[in-house]
Protein backbone atom coordinates (compact mmCIF):
# COMPACT_ATOMS: atom_id res chain seq x y z
CA PHE A 1 0.00 0.00 0.00
CA PHE A 2 2.87 2.35 0.85
CA PHE A 3 4.54 1.78 -2.50
CA LEU A 4 1.26 2.34 -4.37
CA MET A 5 0.74 5.60 -2.53
CA ILE A 6 4.08 7.07 -3.54
CA ARG A 7 3.68 5.91 -7.14
CA ARG A 8 0.58 8.08 -7.63
CA PRO A 9 -0.73 10.70 -5.17
CA PRO A 10 -4.37 10.35 -4.09
CA ARG A 11 -6.90 12.32 -6.09
CA SER A 12 -7.67 14.45 -3.09
CA THR A 13 -4.16 15.96 -3.18
CA GLN A 14 -5.07 17.71 -6.42
CA SER A 15 -7.26 20.14 -4.48
CA ARG A 16 -4.90 20.67 -1.57
CA SER A 17 -3.40 24.03 -0.80
CA SER A 18 0.10 24.90 -2.01
CA ALA A 19 1.48 24.44 1.49
CA ALA A 20 -0.01 20.97 1.76
CA SER A 21 1.40 20.11 -1.65
CA ASP A 22 4.84 21.25 -0.51
CA VAL A 23 4.56 19.01 2.55
CA TYR A 24 3.58 16.06 0.37
CA LYS A 25 6.50 16.80 -1.99
CA ARG A 26 8.99 16.95 0.89
CA GLN A 27 7.63 13.70 2.31
CA THR A 28 7.97 12.01 -1.08
CA GLN A 29 11.55 13.30 -1.49
CA SER A 30 12.37 12.07 2.00
CA THR A 31 10.90 8.69 1.15
CA TRP A 32 13.05 8.50 -1.97
CA GLY A 33 16.10 9.40 0.06
CA LYS A 34 15.44 6.46 2.40
CA ILE A 35 14.92 4.12 -0.53
CA GLU A 36 18.15 5.30 -2.18
CA LYS A 37 20.08 4.71 1.03
CA HIS A 38 18.52 1.28 1.46
CA LEU A 39 19.36 0.27 -2.11
CA GLN A 40 22.95 1.42 -1.73
CA GLN A 41 23.34 -0.49 1.51
CA GLN A 42 21.78 -3.71 0.26
CA GLU A 43 23.07 -3.49 -3.35
CA MET A 44 19.64 -4.68 -4.47
CA SER A 45 19.97 -3.60 -8.07
CA ARG A 46 22.44 -2.77 -10.78
CA LEU A 47 20.23 0.14 -11.84
CA SER A 48 20.86 3.66 -10.62
CA CYS A 49 18.42 5.20 -8.18
CA GLN A 50 17.54 7.78 -10.81
CA LYS A 51 16.41 5.03 -13.19
CA LEU A 52 14.41 3.43 -10.41
CA LYS A 53 12.61 6.74 -9.89
CA ALA A 54 11.76 6.86 -13.58
CA GLN A 55 10.35 3.34 -13.33
CA ASN A 56 8.12 4.36 -10.41
CA LEU A 57 9.25 1.48 -8.21
CA SER A 58 8.15 -1.06 -10.82
CA PHE A 59 11.15 -3.20 -9.92
CA LEU A 60 9.63 -3.74 -6.47
CA VAL A 61 6.32 -4.86 -7.93
CA LYS A 62 8.17 -7.30 -10.20
CA GLU A 63 9.30 -9.25 -7.13
CA ASN A 64 12.78 -9.83 -8.59
CA THR A 65 11.53 -11.80 -11.60
CA ASN A 66 14.51 -10.44 -13.54
CA LYS A 67 16.58 -13.12 -11.79
CA ARG A 68 14.76 -15.74 -13.82
CA SER A 69 16.90 -15.23 -16.92
CA PHE A 70 17.48 -18.44 -18.87
CA CYS A 71 19.36 -17.87 -22.12
CA ALA A 72 18.40 -14.21 -21.85
CA THR A 73 20.32 -11.12 -20.81
CA GLN A 74 19.41 -9.11 -17.73
CA ALA A 75 18.38 -6.19 -19.90
CA ALA A 76 16.14 -8.43 -21.99
CA LEU A 77 13.90 -9.36 -19.09
CA ASP A 78 13.88 -5.80 -17.75
CA GLU A 79 12.77 -4.24 -21.03
CA GLU A 80 10.56 -6.99 -22.48
CA PRO A 81 6.92 -7.17 -21.33
CA ARG A 82 6.34 -9.16 -18.17
CA PHE A 83 4.93 -12.65 -18.58
CA LEU A 84 1.31 -11.67 -17.87
CA GLU A 85 1.58 -8.65 -20.15
CA MET A 86 3.04 -10.88 -22.85
CA VAL A 87 0.17 -13.38 -22.60
CA LYS A 88 -2.40 -10.59 -22.83
CA ALA A 89 -0.59 -9.04 -25.79
CA TYR A 90 -0.65 -12.36 -27.64
CA PHE A 91 -4.36 -12.63 -26.81
CA ASP A 92 -5.04 -9.15 -28.18
CA GLU A 93 -3.13 -9.94 -31.35
CA ALA A 94 -5.11 -13.13 -31.95
CA ALA A 95 -8.40 -11.40 -31.04
CA GLN A 96 -8.02 -9.10 -34.04
CA TYR A 97 -8.87 -12.06 -36.28
CA THR A 98 -12.21 -12.69 -34.55
CA ALA A 99 -15.58 -10.99 -34.78
CA ILE A 100 -16.07 -11.08 -31.00
CA ARG A 101 -17.04 -7.82 -29.27
CA LYS A 102 -14.30 -6.08 -27.28
CA ASP A 103 -16.22 -6.18 -24.02
CA LYS A 104 -16.56 -9.96 -24.31
CA LEU A 105 -12.89 -10.28 -25.16
CA GLU A 106 -12.02 -8.46 -21.94
CA VAL A 107 -14.06 -11.01 -20.01
CA TYR A 108 -12.30 -13.88 -21.76
CA LYS A 109 -8.85 -12.37 -21.20
CA ASN A 110 -8.84 -11.53 -17.52
CA CYS A 111 -8.55 -13.92 -14.58
CA ASN A 112 -11.70 -14.67 -12.56
CA THR A 113 -10.27 -15.58 -9.17
CA VAL A 114 -6.86 -15.41 -7.51
CA LEU A 115 -5.90 -16.62 -4.04
CA LYS A 116 -2.81 -15.75 -2.03
CA VAL A 117 -2.07 -17.39 1.32
CA MET A 118 0.90 -17.33 3.68
CA LEU A 119 2.05 -20.72 4.91
CA PRO A 120 3.90 -21.00 8.24
CA LEU A 121 6.67 -23.59 8.29
CA ARG A 122 8.83 -24.78 11.16
CA ARG A 123 12.19 -25.66 9.66
CA ASP A 124 14.23 -28.64 10.76
CA ASN A 125 16.55 -26.29 12.67
CA GLY A 126 13.63 -24.94 14.74
CA SER A 127 13.26 -21.59 12.95
CA ILE A 128 9.91 -20.49 11.51
CA GLU A 129 9.33 -19.18 7.99
CA PHE A 130 6.27 -17.55 6.47
CA ILE A 131 6.04 -18.59 2.80
CA PRO A 132 3.70 -17.14 0.14
CA ALA A 133 1.56 -19.49 -1.95
CA TYR A 134 -0.90 -18.83 -4.77
CA ARG A 135 -3.71 -20.33 -6.85
CA ALA A 136 -5.42 -18.74 -9.84
CA GLN A 137 -8.63 -19.83 -11.55
CA HIS A 138 -8.76 -18.11 -14.91
CA LYS A 139 -12.22 -19.07 -16.18
CA HIS A 140 -15.18 -21.04 -14.84
CA HIS A 141 -17.05 -21.51 -18.14
CA ARG A 142 -16.12 -25.17 -17.79
CA LEU A 143 -15.62 -26.90 -14.48
CA PRO A 144 -13.46 -28.06 -12.93
CA VAL A 145 -10.56 -25.77 -13.66
CA LYS A 146 -7.29 -27.59 -14.27
CA GLY A 147 -3.66 -26.62 -13.89
CA GLY A 148 -0.30 -27.46 -12.38
CA THR A 149 1.30 -26.57 -9.07
CA ARG A 150 4.90 -25.40 -9.16
CA TYR A 151 7.42 -25.07 -6.35
CA SER A 152 9.86 -22.37 -7.42
CA PRO A 153 11.50 -19.29 -5.88
CA HIS A 154 10.06 -17.29 -8.79
CA VAL A 155 6.37 -18.05 -8.20
CA GLU A 156 4.34 -14.86 -7.86
CA LEU A 157 0.83 -13.57 -8.41
CA GLN A 158 1.12 -12.40 -12.02
CA GLU A 159 2.88 -15.61 -13.04
CA VAL A 160 0.05 -17.86 -11.87
CA GLU A 161 -2.49 -15.55 -13.53
CA ALA A 162 -0.61 -15.78 -16.83
CA LEU A 163 -0.16 -19.55 -16.63
CA SER A 164 -3.81 -20.09 -15.72
CA ALA A 165 -4.83 -18.10 -18.81
CA LEU A 166 -2.60 -20.27 -20.97
CA MET A 167 -4.24 -23.34 -19.45
CA THR A 168 -7.70 -22.10 -20.45
CA PHE A 169 -6.62 -21.58 -24.06
CA LYS A 170 -4.64 -24.83 -24.13
CA CYS A 171 -7.61 -26.88 -22.96
CA ALA A 172 -9.72 -25.22 -25.66
CA VAL A 173 -7.16 -26.09 -28.36
CA VAL A 174 -7.19 -29.81 -27.48
CA ASP A 175 -10.91 -29.79 -26.59
CA LEU A 176 -10.71 -30.74 -22.91
CA PRO A 177 -13.65 -29.87 -20.63
CA TYR A 178 -11.66 -27.64 -18.28
CA GLY A 179 -11.20 -24.02 -17.39
CA GLY A 180 -7.63 -22.94 -16.71
CA GLY A 181 -5.93 -22.88 -13.32
CA LYS A 182 -2.42 -22.60 -11.91
CA GLY A 183 -0.76 -22.33 -8.53
CA GLY A 184 2.42 -22.72 -6.59
CA ILE A 185 4.51 -22.10 -3.51
CA ARG A 186 7.45 -19.71 -3.58
CA ILE A 187 10.27 -21.97 -2.44
CA ASP A 188 13.36 -23.56 -3.91
CA PRO A 189 12.60 -27.23 -3.18
CA ARG A 190 16.33 -28.04 -3.29
CA GLN A 191 16.78 -25.98 -0.13
CA TYR A 192 14.13 -27.86 1.91
CA SER A 193 14.05 -31.34 3.40
CA ALA A 194 11.46 -33.97 2.46
CA ARG A 195 9.69 -33.42 5.79
CA GLU A 196 9.53 -29.65 5.28
CA ILE A 197 8.13 -30.02 1.75
CA GLU A 198 5.52 -32.50 2.97
CA SER A 199 4.48 -30.13 5.77
CA LEU A 200 4.14 -27.22 3.32
CA THR A 201 2.23 -29.36 0.82
CA ARG A 202 -0.30 -30.51 3.42
CA ARG A 203 -0.84 -26.97 4.74
CA TYR A 204 -1.20 -25.62 1.19
CA THR A 205 -3.83 -28.28 0.42
CA LEU A 206 -5.82 -27.43 3.55
CA GLU A 207 -5.75 -23.71 2.76
CA LEU A 208 -6.99 -24.39 -0.77
CA ALA A 209 -9.75 -26.64 0.55
CA LYS A 210 -10.95 -24.02 3.04
CA LYS A 211 -11.27 -21.48 0.22
CA GLY A 212 -12.87 -23.87 -2.30
CA PHE A 213 -9.80 -24.09 -4.53
CA ILE A 214 -9.46 -27.88 -4.74
CA GLY A 215 -11.80 -30.75 -5.52
CA ALA A 216 -12.60 -33.15 -8.36
CA ALA A 217 -15.55 -30.96 -9.44
CA ILE A 218 -13.98 -27.58 -8.61
CA ASP A 219 -10.25 -27.31 -9.17
CA VAL A 220 -8.01 -30.26 -10.10
CA LEU A 221 -4.34 -29.69 -9.34
CA GLY A 222 -1.45 -31.33 -11.16
CA PRO A 223 2.36 -31.43 -11.17
CA ASP A 224 4.55 -28.71 -12.58
CA MET A 225 8.06 -27.37 -12.11
CA GLY A 226 9.50 -28.54 -8.78
CA THR A 227 6.71 -31.01 -8.00
CA THR A 228 6.55 -34.76 -8.55
CA PRO A 229 4.07 -37.63 -8.06
CA ARG A 230 5.12 -37.57 -4.39
CA GLU A 231 3.74 -34.07 -3.79
CA MET A 232 0.59 -34.88 -5.76
CA SER A 233 0.03 -38.01 -3.65
CA ILE A 234 0.49 -36.00 -0.46
CA MET A 235 -2.13 -33.49 -1.65
CA LYS A 236 -4.56 -36.28 -2.47
CA ASP A 237 -3.97 -37.94 0.89
CA THR A 238 -4.53 -34.68 2.78
CA TYR A 239 -7.71 -33.80 0.92
CA GLN A 240 -9.08 -37.33 1.20
CA MET A 241 -8.26 -37.49 4.91
CA PHE A 242 -10.33 -34.41 5.74
CA PHE A 243 -13.01 -34.40 3.03
CA GLY A 244 -13.09 -37.92 1.56
CA HIS A 245 -16.06 -38.98 3.69
CA LEU A 246 -18.11 -36.27 1.95
CA ASP A 247 -16.82 -36.83 -1.58
CA ILE A 248 -16.71 -40.28 -3.19
CA ASN A 249 -14.57 -38.81 -6.00
CA ALA A 250 -12.04 -37.22 -3.64
CA VAL A 251 -9.13 -39.10 -5.23
CA GLY A 252 -9.74 -37.07 -8.41
CA CYS A 253 -8.83 -33.78 -6.73
CA VAL A 254 -5.27 -34.11 -8.04
CA THR A 255 -3.65 -35.70 -11.10
CA GLY A 256 -0.07 -36.77 -11.64
CA LYS A 257 -0.22 -39.03 -8.58
CA SER A 258 1.74 -42.21 -8.03
CA ILE A 259 0.16 -45.28 -9.66
CA SER A 260 -0.57 -46.78 -6.23
CA GLN A 261 -2.43 -43.60 -5.22
CA GLY A 262 -4.76 -43.51 -8.21
CA GLY A 263 -2.37 -42.26 -10.88
CA ILE A 264 -2.25 -43.49 -14.45
CA SER A 265 0.50 -45.15 -16.50
CA GLY A 266 2.18 -42.78 -18.95
CA ARG A 267 1.60 -39.55 -17.02
CA VAL A 268 5.28 -38.97 -16.24
CA GLU A 269 6.36 -38.91 -19.89
CA SER A 270 3.12 -37.43 -21.25
CA THR A 271 4.27 -33.85 -21.89
CA GLY A 272 7.43 -34.96 -23.65
CA LEU A 273 5.47 -37.54 -25.62
CA GLY A 274 2.99 -34.86 -26.66
CA VAL A 275 5.90 -32.70 -27.85
CA PHE A 276 7.09 -35.63 -29.97
CA TYR A 277 3.64 -36.27 -31.46
CA GLY A 278 3.23 -32.58 -32.30
CA ILE A 279 6.62 -32.32 -34.02
CA ARG A 280 6.09 -35.60 -35.86
CA GLU A 281 2.72 -34.44 -37.24
CA LEU A 282 4.19 -31.11 -38.33
CA LEU A 283 7.05 -32.82 -40.15
CA LYS A 284 4.55 -34.78 -42.26
CA ASP A 285 3.40 -31.60 -44.03
CA GLU A 286 5.24 -31.53 -47.36
CA GLY A 287 4.21 -27.98 -48.19
CA LEU A 288 5.47 -26.53 -44.92
CA MET A 289 8.69 -28.53 -44.99
CA HIS A 290 9.46 -27.37 -48.52
CA ARG A 291 8.78 -23.77 -47.49
CA TYR A 292 11.22 -23.99 -44.57
CA GLY A 293 13.89 -26.00 -46.37
CA LEU A 294 13.38 -29.34 -44.64
CA THR A 295 12.56 -32.86 -45.73
CA THR A 296 9.52 -34.63 -44.29
CA GLY A 297 9.81 -37.05 -41.39
CA VAL A 298 11.68 -37.08 -38.08
CA ASN A 299 14.63 -39.10 -39.38
CA ASN A 300 18.03 -37.34 -39.28
CA LYS A 301 16.64 -34.08 -37.95
CA ARG A 302 19.18 -32.27 -35.73
CA VAL A 303 17.63 -31.32 -32.38
CA ILE A 304 18.80 -28.98 -29.62
CA ILE A 305 16.92 -28.93 -26.32
CA GLN A 306 17.03 -26.23 -23.67
CA GLY A 307 16.19 -27.70 -20.27
CA PHE A 308 16.79 -31.41 -19.79
CA GLY A 309 14.26 -32.12 -17.08
CA ASN A 310 11.21 -34.31 -17.36
CA VAL A 311 9.84 -32.69 -20.53
CA GLY A 312 13.16 -32.22 -22.30
CA TYR A 313 14.41 -35.72 -21.60
CA TRP A 314 11.29 -37.56 -22.76
CA ALA A 315 10.98 -35.40 -25.88
CA ALA A 316 14.62 -36.21 -26.70
CA LYS A 317 14.09 -39.91 -26.00
CA PHE A 318 11.08 -40.29 -28.30
CA LEU A 319 12.61 -38.15 -31.05
CA THR A 320 15.91 -40.05 -31.10
CA GLU A 321 14.09 -43.39 -31.05
CA SER A 322 12.34 -42.24 -34.24
CA GLY A 323 15.59 -41.36 -35.98
CA ALA A 324 16.31 -37.76 -34.95
CA LYS A 325 19.75 -36.75 -33.68
CA LEU A 326 20.15 -34.89 -30.38
CA VAL A 327 23.11 -32.57 -31.00
CA GLY A 328 22.85 -30.05 -28.16
CA VAL A 329 21.51 -29.65 -24.62
CA ILE A 330 21.40 -26.50 -22.49
CA GLU A 331 20.99 -26.50 -18.72
CA TYR A 332 21.07 -23.71 -16.12
CA ASN A 333 24.76 -24.39 -15.38
CA GLY A 334 26.12 -24.86 -18.89
CA SER A 335 25.58 -26.50 -22.26
CA ILE A 336 27.01 -29.27 -24.48
CA TYR A 337 27.15 -29.90 -28.23
CA ASN A 338 28.08 -32.88 -30.37
CA GLU A 339 27.29 -32.90 -34.09
CA ASN A 340 27.54 -36.71 -34.07
CA GLY A 341 24.74 -37.01 -31.52
CA ILE A 342 24.20 -37.28 -27.76
CA ASP A 343 22.65 -40.30 -26.06
CA PRO A 344 19.69 -38.86 -24.08
CA ASN A 345 19.48 -41.84 -21.73
CA ASP A 346 23.17 -41.67 -20.83
CA LEU A 347 23.03 -37.91 -20.30
CA TYR A 348 19.91 -38.19 -18.15
CA ARG A 349 21.55 -40.78 -15.90
CA PHE A 350 24.58 -38.49 -15.60
CA LEU A 351 22.46 -35.49 -14.58
CA GLN A 352 20.51 -37.56 -12.06
CA ASP A 353 23.73 -37.73 -10.01
CA LYS A 354 23.50 -33.93 -9.54
CA LYS A 355 26.57 -33.32 -11.69
CA PRO A 356 26.87 -30.12 -13.77
CA ILE A 357 26.29 -30.61 -17.46
CA PHE A 358 29.65 -29.09 -18.39
CA ALA A 359 31.31 -32.06 -16.63
CA TYR A 360 29.79 -34.49 -19.16
CA GLN A 361 32.76 -36.10 -20.89
CA LYS A 362 31.03 -37.61 -23.92
CA ALA A 363 30.26 -34.30 -25.64
CA ALA A 364 32.54 -32.86 -28.31
CA GLU A 365 32.01 -29.29 -27.12
CA VAL A 366 31.35 -28.27 -23.52
CA TYR A 367 30.47 -24.77 -22.30
CA LYS A 368 29.80 -23.13 -18.95
CA ASP A 369 27.21 -20.88 -20.56
CA ASP A 370 24.38 -21.27 -23.09
CA THR A 371 26.54 -21.26 -26.24
CA ALA A 372 24.93 -24.46 -27.54
CA PHE A 373 21.59 -22.63 -27.66
CA TYR A 374 22.85 -20.73 -30.69
CA LYS A 375 24.30 -23.65 -32.66
CA GLU A 376 22.84 -24.56 -36.04
CA CYS A 377 20.07 -27.18 -35.93
CA ASP A 378 16.80 -28.17 -37.56
CA ILE A 379 14.61 -28.14 -34.43
CA LEU A 380 15.18 -26.06 -31.28
CA ILE A 381 13.06 -27.04 -28.28
CA PRO A 382 12.90 -24.56 -25.36
CA ALA A 383 11.73 -26.75 -22.46
CA ALA A 384 12.64 -24.54 -19.51
CA LEU A 385 11.24 -21.21 -18.29
CA GLU A 386 9.23 -18.54 -20.07
CA ARG A 387 10.72 -15.69 -22.14
CA ALA A 388 13.86 -17.66 -23.02
CA VAL A 389 13.75 -16.41 -26.62
CA ASN A 390 13.56 -12.63 -26.72
CA LYS A 391 14.58 -9.61 -28.75
CA TYR A 392 18.12 -9.74 -27.39
CA ASN A 393 18.96 -13.28 -28.47
CA ALA A 394 16.46 -14.28 -31.19
CA ASP A 395 18.70 -13.03 -34.00
CA ARG A 396 21.46 -15.44 -32.86
CA ILE A 397 19.24 -18.54 -33.02
CA GLN A 398 19.98 -20.84 -35.99
CA CYS A 399 17.06 -23.24 -36.22
CA LYS A 400 14.38 -23.86 -38.82
CA ILE A 401 11.65 -24.94 -36.38
CA LEU A 402 11.19 -23.56 -32.86
CA ALA A 403 9.07 -26.08 -30.93
CA GLU A 404 7.80 -24.49 -27.71
CA ALA A 405 7.76 -27.19 -25.05
CA ALA A 406 7.87 -24.66 -22.17
CA ASN A 407 5.09 -22.24 -21.27
CA GLY A 408 5.54 -18.90 -23.05
CA PRO A 409 9.22 -19.33 -23.97
CA THR A 410 9.11 -16.78 -26.82
CA THR A 411 8.37 -13.09 -26.36
CA ILE A 412 6.45 -11.11 -28.96
CA ALA A 413 9.60 -9.32 -30.11
CA GLY A 414 11.49 -12.61 -30.25
CA ALA A 415 8.73 -14.24 -32.31
CA GLU A 416 8.73 -11.34 -34.76
CA ILE A 417 12.49 -11.63 -35.27
CA LEU A 418 12.28 -15.39 -35.84
CA THR A 419 9.36 -15.04 -38.25
CA ASN A 420 11.33 -12.51 -40.28
CA LYS A 421 14.18 -15.05 -40.37
CA ASN A 422 11.78 -17.65 -41.82
CA VAL A 423 11.70 -19.77 -38.67
CA LEU A 424 8.55 -21.83 -38.10
CA ILE A 425 7.23 -21.53 -34.52
CA LEU A 426 5.17 -24.44 -33.17
CA PRO A 427 3.27 -22.81 -30.26
CA ASP A 428 3.18 -24.02 -26.67
CA LEU A 429 -0.63 -23.87 -26.54
CA LEU A 430 -0.64 -27.04 -28.62
CA LEU A 431 2.78 -28.58 -28.23
CA ASN A 432 2.95 -28.98 -24.45
CA ALA A 433 -0.69 -30.02 -24.03
CA GLY A 434 0.28 -33.67 -23.56
CA GLY A 435 0.50 -33.31 -19.80
CA VAL A 436 -2.98 -31.92 -19.29
CA THR A 437 -4.40 -34.42 -21.79
CA VAL A 438 -3.13 -37.43 -19.87
CA SER A 439 -4.18 -35.73 -16.63
CA TYR A 440 -7.65 -35.69 -18.14
CA PHE A 441 -7.41 -39.46 -18.67
CA GLU A 442 -6.33 -39.91 -15.05
CA TRP A 443 -9.21 -37.73 -13.82
CA LEU A 444 -11.67 -39.85 -15.82
CA LYS A 445 -10.14 -43.01 -14.32
CA ASN A 446 -10.66 -41.59 -10.82
CA LEU A 447 -14.27 -40.61 -11.51
CA GLU A 448 -15.12 -43.95 -13.09
CA HIS A 449 -13.31 -45.93 -10.40
CA VAL A 450 -12.02 -48.42 -12.97
CA ARG A 451 -8.76 -48.83 -14.86
CA PRO A 452 -8.93 -47.99 -18.60
CA GLY A 453 -9.42 -51.14 -20.66
CA ARG A 454 -10.16 -53.42 -17.71
CA LEU A 455 -13.67 -54.30 -18.90
CA ILE A 456 -12.75 -55.21 -22.47
CA LYS A 457 -9.14 -56.47 -22.38
CA LYS A 458 -9.90 -60.22 -22.22
CA TRP A 459 -12.81 -59.90 -24.67
CA GLU A 460 -10.47 -58.25 -27.16
CA GLU A 461 -7.87 -61.01 -26.71
CA LYS A 462 -10.51 -63.70 -27.37
CA SER A 463 -11.74 -61.85 -30.46
CA LYS A 464 -8.22 -61.69 -31.91
CA LYS A 465 -7.62 -65.39 -31.19
CA ASN A 466 -10.84 -66.31 -32.97
CA MET A 467 -9.82 -64.18 -35.93
CA LEU A 468 -6.41 -65.87 -36.17
CA ASN A 469 -8.05 -69.31 -35.95
CA VAL A 470 -10.33 -68.43 -38.86
CA ILE A 471 -7.36 -67.17 -40.90
CA TYR A 472 -5.42 -70.40 -40.28
CA LYS A 473 -8.47 -72.49 -41.15
CA LEU A 474 -9.03 -70.66 -44.45
CA ALA A 475 -5.33 -71.04 -45.26
CA GLY A 476 -5.54 -74.77 -44.59
CA LYS A 477 -2.97 -74.66 -41.81
CA GLN A 478 -3.04 -76.51 -38.53
CA GLN A 479 -3.21 -74.16 -35.56
CA GLY A 480 -0.98 -75.07 -32.64
CA GLU A 481 0.34 -72.92 -29.83
CA PHE A 482 0.63 -69.23 -30.69
CA SER A 483 4.18 -67.88 -31.13
CA GLU A 484 5.53 -64.94 -29.09
CA GLU A 485 4.93 -62.62 -32.02
CA GLU A 486 1.34 -63.81 -32.34
CA GLN A 487 0.83 -63.52 -28.58
CA ALA A 488 1.96 -59.89 -28.77
CA ILE A 489 -0.62 -59.23 -31.51
CA ILE A 490 -3.37 -61.00 -29.60
CA ALA A 491 -2.71 -59.29 -26.24
CA GLY A 492 -5.35 -56.74 -25.21
CA PRO A 493 -4.26 -53.14 -24.62
CA SER A 494 -2.60 -52.18 -21.35
CA GLU A 495 -3.41 -48.96 -19.52
CA LYS A 496 -0.30 -47.35 -21.04
CA ASP A 497 -1.30 -48.50 -24.55
CA ILE A 498 -4.67 -46.78 -24.15
CA VAL A 499 -3.07 -43.61 -22.76
CA TYR A 500 -0.54 -43.41 -25.60
CA SER A 501 -3.25 -44.04 -28.19
CA GLY A 502 -5.55 -41.40 -26.71
CA LEU A 503 -2.77 -38.83 -26.51
CA GLU A 504 -1.73 -39.50 -30.11
CA GLU A 505 -5.33 -39.01 -31.24
CA VAL A 506 -5.74 -35.73 -29.34
CA MET A 507 -2.42 -34.24 -30.51
CA SER A 508 -2.87 -35.35 -34.11
CA VAL A 509 -6.38 -33.92 -34.42
CA ALA A 510 -5.48 -30.67 -32.66
């Protein structure tokens, strides 16, 4: 409130006497003097105090999001639109191609409900912290709303609003019956013990439940950056413990859970698999490939991936298994490049030991910065944080297809530069929808209280056996025991088979 007051004087000051105005001016100057002294003492910013004055304290409202740079300069994130502003600008640009009234567009664009809570935590050393947590529900035109929960030191109010808006549009693109939601807790999970994270997760779940921000018919949470099936299972357990006796579908309040807790096979790799399906479908288009100087098909395409976490690894795995070549990987602590290819499985095992990527010995070129991000390739996949491609680095990128696996990785200025360079951008609204699609399958499994395919698996196996017997009979052959190859053909679909098939259908159609 104090900062808002000094950014713009109250309207009533306009009618004050000259003396009162002088008092207000002196108070404001005194306030700025204190802020200048505080900044100098704490070395909070590289900017001069004069520039901070010109920005009207906007750096304080930003909550230090400029520290989130990933393959972007400090100046790039300071001068580019903030993430929420960027999402709204993209919305406005797309809205120009519709015949929808402006007042309705404003309703569609803005977030319906946002919650902020403060979570007390007793650390293992006995100290107490007060940690901010958020949840945004963008639109309620379809219920429940759906969206991930991230644990990151960069979580803040505008971020969850922006991500919840993207979730609304993403669900519309792939035709899922959800509104958009997003939430998170502002912590670095690497700095907290398993007990501390469990305590925070349970308290966060209770706070959401008290405010009506969780439930299978209201708001279905899912995993995101910094969260795993463990955190999702803890949330489900907490909600079910307190509210399960009132809700037979309580287990559906969260997706991305462990299999034993009501999860579904294939959820872990779903976002990366969706990225693969989206790229594969795009590469089938002969007209587009000719326009951008590429041959059709995944085979022999050179791929560079920024961010080798869950999404980046699985995308690399499926692409290389289909014939693509992973030539570069960028992480927060360095990057590697090898024109002869990198084994994604070997690299993933290496990184699981908490070793820096620049210590990987099997790469031809190793860097302690993001140099590999600017190497020549056919497909560049940003799979890390938003605004990674911006007006300060887009002109250095040497790819033919930019496949957005992260949420909002390309700024408007960055996209314009790439488009002028004849780079094809495959947008995140479609490409990273694999996660929410398989979450939808898990939610349906929880509501139906039955595993996908359980009712028809044996019937399908018998039908295939009968068909093979008829074929052998018509061919005049004696049918004995089925071979392993025939058994594989006969076998009914597993839960993972159904999930993969459903995801492929959704991504291909979208």
